[in-house]
Amino acid sequence: MDEKTTSKATRKLPMIVCSCNVLSDNQVRTAVNTAAPRSAVQVYGCLGCSPQCGRCIATIRRIMDEAVGACPAAGGCCANGEGT
């Protein structure tokens, strides 16, 4: 493979996580990083829609957790693992 082909092969393409609203994982990450929603329902609101069937809420929550890390700086937990 040449360099162009390799970079295309390793580049992560967006994945649709909500079929009802056609939301991608990239859109969810952008909303989480710019608006700091605290729930999956708030993510939908940030993206101008609302939950329909609800099957994607767990995936959106997982993406939110990954985006902010295991211990968010916004006071989600303390260094010793106890809540604030």
PDB file of N, CA and C in Angstrom:
ATOM      1  N   MET A   1       0.828  -1.192   0.000  1.00  0.00           N
ATOM      2  CA  MET A   1       0.000   0.000   0.000  1.00  0.00           C
ATOM      3  C   MET A   1       0.867   1.247   0.000  1.00  0.00           C
ATOM      4  N   ASP A   2       0.403   2.256  -0.711  1.00  0.00           N
ATOM      5  CA  ASP A   2       1.132   3.505  -0.685  1.00  0.00           C
ATOM      6  C   ASP A   2       0.647   4.351   0.493  1.00  0.00           C
ATOM      7  N   GLU A   3       1.266   5.500   0.695  1.00  0.00           N
ATOM      8  CA  GLU A   3       0.967   6.341   1.856  1.00  0.00           C
ATOM      9  C   GLU A   3      -0.482   6.830   1.857  1.00  0.00           C
ATOM     10  N   LYS A   4      -1.013   7.202   0.682  1.00  0.00           N
ATOM     11  CA  LYS A   4      -2.399   7.666   0.601  1.00  0.00           C
ATOM     12  C   LYS A   4      -3.372   6.581   1.016  1.00  0.00           C
ATOM     13  N   THR A   5      -3.167   5.390   0.526  1.00  0.00           N
ATOM     14  CA  THR A   5      -4.050   4.275   0.847  1.00  0.00           C
ATOM     15  C   THR A   5      -3.979   3.936   2.324  1.00  0.00           C
ATOM     16  N   THR A   6      -2.797   3.962   2.894  1.00  0.00           N
ATOM     17  CA  THR A   6      -2.627   3.647   4.304  1.00  0.00           C
ATOM     18  C   THR A   6      -3.351   4.650   5.174  1.00  0.00           C
ATOM     19  N   SER A   7      -3.242   5.943   4.876  1.00  0.00           N
ATOM     20  CA  SER A   7      -3.898   6.948   5.706  1.00  0.00           C
ATOM     21  C   SER A   7      -5.411   6.829   5.613  1.00  0.00           C
ATOM     22  N   LYS A   8      -5.946   6.470   4.451  1.00  0.00           N
ATOM     23  CA  LYS A   8      -7.379   6.269   4.320  1.00  0.00           C
ATOM     24  C   LYS A   8      -7.820   5.042   5.114  1.00  0.00           C
ATOM     25  N   ALA A   9      -7.010   4.003   5.101  1.00  0.00           N
ATOM     26  CA  ALA A   9      -7.365   2.764   5.787  1.00  0.00           C
ATOM     27  C   ALA A   9      -7.341   2.936   7.297  1.00  0.00           C
ATOM     28  N   THR A  10      -6.467   3.781   7.833  1.00  0.00           N
ATOM     29  CA  THR A  10      -6.361   3.956   9.273  1.00  0.00           C
ATOM     30  C   THR A  10      -7.247   5.073   9.794  1.00  0.00           C
ATOM     31  N   ARG A  11      -7.778   5.914   8.926  1.00  0.00           N
ATOM     32  CA  ARG A  11      -8.641   7.004   9.351  1.00  0.00           C
ATOM     33  C   ARG A  11      -9.982   6.428   9.785  1.00  0.00           C
ATOM     34  N   LYS A  12     -10.470   6.886  10.944  1.00  0.00           N
ATOM     35  CA  LYS A  12     -11.732   6.374  11.464  1.00  0.00           C
ATOM     36  C   LYS A  12     -12.892   7.131  10.828  1.00  0.00           C
ATOM     37  N   LEU A  13     -13.768   6.372  10.191  1.00  0.00           N
ATOM     38  CA  LEU A  13     -14.949   6.956   9.581  1.00  0.00           C
ATOM     39  C   LEU A  13     -16.060   7.086  10.617  1.00  0.00           C
ATOM     40  N   PRO A  14     -16.945   8.089  10.446  1.00  0.00           N
ATOM     41  CA  PRO A  14     -18.047   8.225  11.399  1.00  0.00           C
ATOM     42  C   PRO A  14     -18.962   7.008  11.367  1.00  0.00           C
ATOM     43  N   MET A  15     -19.535   6.695  12.522  1.00  0.00           N
ATOM     44  CA  MET A  15     -20.447   5.568  12.632  1.00  0.00           C
ATOM     45  C   MET A  15     -21.813   6.110  13.072  1.00  0.00           C
ATOM     46  N   ILE A  16     -22.863   5.697  12.400  1.00  0.00           N
ATOM     47  CA  ILE A  16     -24.206   6.107  12.792  1.00  0.00           C
ATOM     48  C   ILE A  16     -24.561   5.377  14.086  1.00  0.00           C
ATOM     49  N   VAL A  17     -24.881   6.136  15.130  1.00  0.00           N
ATOM     50  CA  VAL A  17     -25.246   5.528  16.407  1.00  0.00           C
ATOM     51  C   VAL A  17     -26.746   5.634  16.667  1.00  0.00           C
ATOM     52  N   CYS A  18     -27.415   6.544  15.975  1.00  0.00           N
ATOM     53  CA  CYS A  18     -28.859   6.701  16.105  1.00  0.00           C
ATOM     54  C   CYS A  18     -29.468   6.683  14.711  1.00  0.00           C
ATOM     55  N   SER A  19     -30.137   5.584  14.392  1.00  0.00           N
ATOM     56  CA  SER A  19     -30.745   5.457  13.066  1.00  0.00           C
ATOM     57  C   SER A  19     -31.966   6.355  12.916  1.00  0.00           C
ATOM     58  N   CYS A  20     -32.721   6.540  13.994  1.00  0.00           N
ATOM     59  CA  CYS A  20     -33.941   7.354  13.911  1.00  0.00           C
ATOM     60  C   CYS A  20     -33.634   8.804  13.544  1.00  0.00           C
ATOM     61  N   ASN A  21     -32.578   9.361  14.162  1.00  0.00           N
ATOM     62  CA  ASN A  21     -32.207  10.758  13.927  1.00  0.00           C
ATOM     63  C   ASN A  21     -30.981  10.895  13.030  1.00  0.00           C
ATOM     64  N   VAL A  22     -30.422   9.789  12.609  1.00  0.00           N
ATOM     65  CA  VAL A  22     -29.214   9.725  11.783  1.00  0.00           C
ATOM     66  C   VAL A  22     -28.096  10.563  12.413  1.00  0.00           C
ATOM     67  N   LEU A  23     -27.729  10.182  13.633  1.00  0.00           N
ATOM     68  CA  LEU A  23     -26.649  10.852  14.363  1.00  0.00           C
ATOM     69  C   LEU A  23     -25.408   9.974  14.340  1.00  0.00           C
ATOM     70  N   SER A  24     -24.255  10.601  14.110  1.00  0.00           N
ATOM     71  CA  SER A  24     -23.002   9.853  14.103  1.00  0.00           C
ATOM     72  C   SER A  24     -22.295   9.993  15.450  1.00  0.00           C
ATOM     73  N   ASP A  25     -21.352   9.101  15.686  1.00  0.00           N
ATOM     74  CA  ASP A  25     -20.548   9.185  16.898  1.00  0.00           C
ATOM     75  C   ASP A  25     -19.772  10.492  16.935  1.00  0.00           C
ATOM     76  N   ASN A  26     -19.333  10.981  15.779  1.00  0.00           N
ATOM     77  CA  ASN A  26     -18.603  12.250  15.734  1.00  0.00           C
ATOM     78  C   ASN A  26     -19.489  13.417  16.167  1.00  0.00           C
ATOM     79  N   GLN A  27     -20.755  13.407  15.754  1.00  0.00           N
ATOM     80  CA  GLN A  27     -21.676  14.467  16.162  1.00  0.00           C
ATOM     81  C   GLN A  27     -21.894  14.440  17.678  1.00  0.00           C
ATOM     82  N   VAL A  28     -22.031  13.249  18.232  1.00  0.00           N
ATOM     83  CA  VAL A  28     -22.219  13.124  19.675  1.00  0.00           C
ATOM     84  C   VAL A  28     -20.986  13.643  20.403  1.00  0.00           C
ATOM     85  N   ARG A  29     -19.788  13.245  19.959  1.00  0.00           N
ATOM     86  CA  ARG A  29     -18.556  13.725  20.605  1.00  0.00           C
ATOM     87  C   ARG A  29     -18.433  15.241  20.523  1.00  0.00           C
ATOM     88  N   THR A  30     -18.769  15.813  19.379  1.00  0.00           N
ATOM     89  CA  THR A  30     -18.701  17.266  19.221  1.00  0.00           C
ATOM     90  C   THR A  30     -19.662  17.950  20.190  1.00  0.00           C
ATOM     91  N   ALA A  31     -20.877  17.440  20.292  1.00  0.00           N
ATOM     92  CA  ALA A  31     -21.855  18.021  21.215  1.00  0.00           C
ATOM     93  C   ALA A  31     -21.367  17.931  22.657  1.00  0.00           C
ATOM     94  N   VAL A  32     -20.799  16.794  23.032  1.00  0.00           N
ATOM     95  CA  VAL A  32     -20.303  16.605  24.393  1.00  0.00           C
ATOM     96  C   VAL A  32     -19.148  17.561  24.683  1.00  0.00           C
ATOM     97  N   ASN A  33     -18.261  17.732  23.728  1.00  0.00           N
ATOM     98  CA  ASN A  33     -17.091  18.582  23.940  1.00  0.00           C
ATOM     99  C   ASN A  33     -17.402  20.073  23.887  1.00  0.00           C
ATOM    100  N   THR A  34     -18.465  20.474  23.193  1.00  0.00           N
ATOM    101  CA  THR A  34     -18.757  21.900  23.067  1.00  0.00           C
ATOM    102  C   THR A  34     -19.847  22.377  24.023  1.00  0.00           C
ATOM    103  N   ALA A  35     -20.849  21.556  24.282  1.00  0.00           N
ATOM    104  CA  ALA A  35     -21.980  22.000  25.088  1.00  0.00           C
ATOM    105  C   ALA A  35     -22.027  21.379  26.483  1.00  0.00           C
ATOM    106  N   ALA A  36     -21.238  20.357  26.738  1.00  0.00           N
ATOM    107  CA  ALA A  36     -21.169  19.662  28.029  1.00  0.00           C
ATOM    108  C   ALA A  36     -22.527  19.198  28.544  1.00  0.00           C
ATOM    109  N   PRO A  37     -23.303  18.473  27.724  1.00  0.00           N
ATOM    110  CA  PRO A  37     -24.567  17.933  28.223  1.00  0.00           C
ATOM    111  C   PRO A  37     -24.316  16.893  29.301  1.00  0.00           C
ATOM    112  N   ARG A  38     -25.263  16.741  30.221  1.00  0.00           N
ATOM    113  CA  ARG A  38     -25.079  15.810  31.330  1.00  0.00           C
ATOM    114  C   ARG A  38     -25.901  14.545  31.175  1.00  0.00           C
ATOM    115  N   SER A  39     -26.691  14.447  30.115  1.00  0.00           N
ATOM    116  CA  SER A  39     -27.477  13.233  29.879  1.00  0.00           C
ATOM    117  C   SER A  39     -27.591  12.997  28.377  1.00  0.00           C
ATOM    118  N   ALA A  40     -27.957  11.788  28.030  1.00  0.00           N
ATOM    119  CA  ALA A  40     -28.134  11.459  26.611  1.00  0.00           C
ATOM    120  C   ALA A  40     -29.250  12.306  26.008  1.00  0.00           C
ATOM    121  N   VAL A  41     -30.309  12.543  26.767  1.00  0.00           N
ATOM    122  CA  VAL A  41     -31.415  13.364  26.273  1.00  0.00           C
ATOM    123  C   VAL A  41     -30.932  14.783  25.971  1.00  0.00           C
ATOM    124  N   GLN A  42     -30.034  15.310  26.785  1.00  0.00           N
ATOM    125  CA  GLN A  42     -29.480  16.646  26.527  1.00  0.00           C
ATOM    126  C   GLN A  42     -28.618  16.644  25.264  1.00  0.00           C
ATOM    127  N   VAL A  43     -27.934  15.531  24.977  1.00  0.00           N
ATOM    128  CA  VAL A  43     -27.160  15.429  23.738  1.00  0.00           C
ATOM    129  C   VAL A  43     -28.096  15.570  22.543  1.00  0.00           C
ATOM    130  N   TYR A  44     -29.228  14.870  22.594  1.00  0.00           N
ATOM    131  CA  TYR A  44     -30.210  15.000  21.510  1.00  0.00           C
ATOM    132  C   TYR A  44     -30.612  16.461  21.339  1.00  0.00           C
ATOM    133  N   GLY A  45     -30.906  17.136  22.440  1.00  0.00           N
ATOM    134  CA  GLY A  45     -31.298  18.543  22.379  1.00  0.00           C
ATOM    135  C   GLY A  45     -30.222  19.407  21.760  1.00  0.00           C
ATOM    136  N   CYS A  46     -28.967  19.153  22.117  1.00  0.00           N
ATOM    137  CA  CYS A  46     -27.843  19.910  21.543  1.00  0.00           C
ATOM    138  C   CYS A  46     -27.767  19.715  20.035  1.00  0.00           C
ATOM    139  N   LEU A  47     -28.211  18.551  19.576  1.00  0.00           N
ATOM    140  CA  LEU A  47     -28.145  18.229  18.154  1.00  0.00           C
ATOM    141  C   LEU A  47     -29.469  18.518  17.435  1.00  0.00           C
ATOM    142  N   GLY A  48     -30.394  19.173  18.136  1.00  0.00           N
ATOM    143  CA  GLY A  48     -31.635  19.608  17.520  1.00  0.00           C
ATOM    144  C   GLY A  48     -32.664  18.520  17.273  1.00  0.00           C
ATOM    145  N   CYS A  49     -32.647  17.476  18.097  1.00  0.00           N
ATOM    146  CA  CYS A  49     -33.616  16.395  17.924  1.00  0.00           C
ATOM    147  C   CYS A  49     -33.986  15.838  19.293  1.00  0.00           C
ATOM    148  N   SER A  50     -34.755  14.780  19.299  1.00  0.00           N
ATOM    149  CA  SER A  50     -35.141  14.129  20.550  1.00  0.00           C
ATOM    150  C   SER A  50     -35.113  12.616  20.344  1.00  0.00           C
ATOM    151  N   PRO A  51     -35.002  11.856  21.443  1.00  0.00           N
ATOM    152  CA  PRO A  51     -34.967  10.404  21.313  1.00  0.00           C
ATOM    153  C   PRO A  51     -36.270   9.880  20.715  1.00  0.00           C
ATOM    154  N   GLN A  52     -36.146   8.861  19.888  1.00  0.00           N
ATOM    155  CA  GLN A  52     -37.323   8.259  19.277  1.00  0.00           C
ATOM    156  C   GLN A  52     -37.561   6.873  19.882  1.00  0.00           C
ATOM    157  N   CYS A  53     -36.808   5.876  19.441  1.00  0.00           N
ATOM    158  CA  CYS A  53     -37.027   4.514  19.946  1.00  0.00           C
ATOM    159  C   CYS A  53     -36.220   4.231  21.216  1.00  0.00           C
ATOM    160  N   GLY A  54     -35.134   4.963  21.449  1.00  0.00           N
ATOM    161  CA  GLY A  54     -34.332   4.808  22.662  1.00  0.00           C
ATOM    162  C   GLY A  54     -33.251   3.749  22.617  1.00  0.00           C
ATOM    163  N   ARG A  55     -33.149   3.004  21.530  1.00  0.00           N
ATOM    164  CA  ARG A  55     -32.148   1.925  21.473  1.00  0.00           C
ATOM    165  C   ARG A  55     -30.716   2.443  21.491  1.00  0.00           C
ATOM    166  N   CYS A  56     -30.495   3.688  21.130  1.00  0.00           N
ATOM    167  CA  CYS A  56     -29.131   4.215  21.044  1.00  0.00           C
ATOM    168  C   CYS A  56     -28.682   4.943  22.312  1.00  0.00           C
ATOM    169  N   ILE A  57     -29.557   5.089  23.287  1.00  0.00           N
ATOM    170  CA  ILE A  57     -29.196   5.868  24.481  1.00  0.00           C
ATOM    171  C   ILE A  57     -27.981   5.289  25.192  1.00  0.00           C
ATOM    172  N   ALA A  58     -27.882   3.978  25.312  1.00  0.00           N
ATOM    173  CA  ALA A  58     -26.721   3.360  25.979  1.00  0.00           C
ATOM    174  C   ALA A  58     -25.438   3.653  25.207  1.00  0.00           C
ATOM    175  N   THR A  59     -25.504   3.625  23.881  1.00  0.00           N
ATOM    176  CA  THR A  59     -24.322   3.919  23.059  1.00  0.00           C
ATOM    177  C   THR A  59     -23.928   5.383  23.209  1.00  0.00           C
ATOM    178  N   ILE A  60     -24.901   6.267  23.207  1.00  0.00           N
ATOM    179  CA  ILE A  60     -24.602   7.698  23.377  1.00  0.00           C
ATOM    180  C   ILE A  60     -23.994   7.934  24.749  1.00  0.00           C
ATOM    181  N   ARG A  61     -24.509   7.279  25.759  1.00  0.00           N
ATOM    182  CA  ARG A  61     -23.959   7.411  27.119  1.00  0.00           C
ATOM    183  C   ARG A  61     -22.510   6.922  27.154  1.00  0.00           C
ATOM    184  N   ARG A  62     -22.232   5.811  26.473  1.00  0.00           N
ATOM    185  CA  ARG A  62     -20.863   5.277  26.420  1.00  0.00           C
ATOM    186  C   ARG A  62     -19.928   6.267  25.733  1.00  0.00           C
ATOM    187  N   ILE A  63     -20.383   6.860  24.639  1.00  0.00           N
ATOM    188  CA  ILE A  63     -19.570   7.859  23.930  1.00  0.00           C
ATOM    189  C   ILE A  63     -19.329   9.062  24.834  1.00  0.00           C
ATOM    190  N   MET A  64     -20.350   9.473  25.574  1.00  0.00           N
ATOM    191  CA  MET A  64     -20.184  10.594  26.515  1.00  0.00           C
ATOM    192  C   MET A  64     -19.123  10.263  27.557  1.00  0.00           C
ATOM    193  N   ASP A  65     -19.194   9.060  28.117  1.00  0.00           N
ATOM    194  CA  ASP A  65     -18.217   8.644  29.128  1.00  0.00           C
ATOM    195  C   ASP A  65     -16.799   8.628  28.560  1.00  0.00           C
ATOM    196  N   GLU A  66     -16.651   8.120  27.339  1.00  0.00           N
ATOM    197  CA  GLU A  66     -15.331   8.089  26.697  1.00  0.00           C
ATOM    198  C   GLU A  66     -14.826   9.499  26.426  1.00  0.00           C
ATOM    199  N   ALA A  67     -15.721  10.394  26.018  1.00  0.00           N
ATOM    200  CA  ALA A  67     -15.316  11.757  25.657  1.00  0.00           C
ATOM    201  C   ALA A  67     -14.832  12.550  26.865  1.00  0.00           C
ATOM    202  N   VAL A  68     -15.464  12.355  28.014  1.00  0.00           N
ATOM    203  CA  VAL A  68     -15.057  13.121  29.193  1.00  0.00           C
ATOM    204  C   VAL A  68     -14.070  12.374  30.064  1.00  0.00           C
ATOM    205  N   GLY A  69     -13.821  11.115  29.759  1.00  0.00           N
ATOM    206  CA  GLY A  69     -12.886  10.323  30.544  1.00  0.00           C
ATOM    207  C   GLY A  69     -13.592   9.693  31.738  1.00  0.00           C
ATOM    208  N   ALA A  70     -12.913   8.850  32.429  1.00  0.00           N
ATOM    209  CA  ALA A  70     -13.507   8.119  33.547  1.00  0.00           C
ATOM    210  C   ALA A  70     -13.805   9.026  34.732  1.00  0.00           C
ATOM    211  N   CYS A  71     -13.047  10.092  34.888  1.00  0.00           N
ATOM    212  CA  CYS A  71     -13.224  10.998  36.023  1.00  0.00           C
ATOM    213  C   CYS A  71     -13.219  12.426  35.503  1.00  0.00           C
ATOM    214  N   PRO A  72     -14.367  12.950  35.072  1.00  0.00           N
ATOM    215  CA  PRO A  72     -14.413  14.265  34.448  1.00  0.00           C
ATOM    216  C   PRO A  72     -13.955  15.381  35.385  1.00  0.00           C
ATOM    217  N   ALA A  73     -13.265  16.354  34.815  1.00  0.00           N
ATOM    218  CA  ALA A  73     -12.756  17.489  35.577  1.00  0.00           C
ATOM    219  C   ALA A  73     -13.882  18.378  36.080  1.00  0.00           C
ATOM    220  N   ALA A  74     -15.065  18.259  35.514  1.00  0.00           N
ATOM    221  CA  ALA A  74     -16.195  19.110  35.884  1.00  0.00           C
ATOM    222  C   ALA A  74     -16.846  18.676  37.193  1.00  0.00           C
ATOM    223  N   GLY A  75     -16.163  17.872  37.982  1.00  0.00           N
ATOM    224  CA  GLY A  75     -16.691  17.500  39.288  1.00  0.00           C
ATOM    225  C   GLY A  75     -17.466  16.208  39.302  1.00  0.00           C
ATOM    226  N   GLY A  76     -17.294  15.376  38.305  1.00  0.00           N
ATOM    227  CA  GLY A  76     -18.005  14.105  38.250  1.00  0.00           C
ATOM    228  C   GLY A  76     -17.564  13.142  39.333  1.00  0.00           C
ATOM    229  N   CYS A  77     -16.330  13.230  39.775  1.00  0.00           N
ATOM    230  CA  CYS A  77     -15.854  12.400  40.880  1.00  0.00           C
ATOM    231  C   CYS A  77     -14.569  13.008  41.429  1.00  0.00           C
ATOM    232  N   CYS A  78     -14.192  12.541  42.559  1.00  0.00           N
ATOM    233  CA  CYS A  78     -12.955  13.026  43.192  1.00  0.00           C
ATOM    234  C   CYS A  78     -11.812  12.077  42.858  1.00  0.00           C
ATOM    235  N   ALA A  79     -10.618  12.509  43.115  1.00  0.00           N
ATOM    236  CA  ALA A  79      -9.437  11.684  42.835  1.00  0.00           C
ATOM    237  C   ALA A  79      -9.475  10.381  43.622  1.00  0.00           C
ATOM    238  N   ASN A  80     -10.125  10.413  44.802  1.00  0.00           N
ATOM    239  CA  ASN A  80     -10.171   9.193  45.625  1.00  0.00           C
ATOM    240  C   ASN A  80     -11.341   8.295  45.266  1.00  0.00           C
ATOM    241  N   GLY A  81     -12.113   8.670  44.232  1.00  0.00           N
ATOM    242  CA  GLY A  81     -13.201   7.839  43.760  1.00  0.00           C
ATOM    243  C   GLY A  81     -14.545   8.141  44.380  1.00  0.00           C
ATOM    244  N   GLU A  82     -14.586   9.052  45.347  1.00  0.00           N
ATOM    245  CA  GLU A  82     -15.843   9.403  45.973  1.00  0.00           C
ATOM    246  C   GLU A  82     -16.508  10.539  45.189  1.00  0.00           C
ATOM    247  N   GLY A  83     -17.788  10.562  45.183  1.00  0.00           N
ATOM    248  CA  GLY A  83     -18.526  11.621  44.502  1.00  0.00           C
ATOM    249  C   GLY A  83     -18.377  12.947  45.222  1.00  0.00           C
ATOM    250  N   THR A  84     -18.671  14.027  44.530  1.00  0.00           N
ATOM    251  CA  THR A  84     -18.552  15.347  45.148  1.00  0.00           C
ATOM    252  C   THR A  84     -19.816  15.743  45.858  1.00  0.00           C
TER     253      THR A  84
END
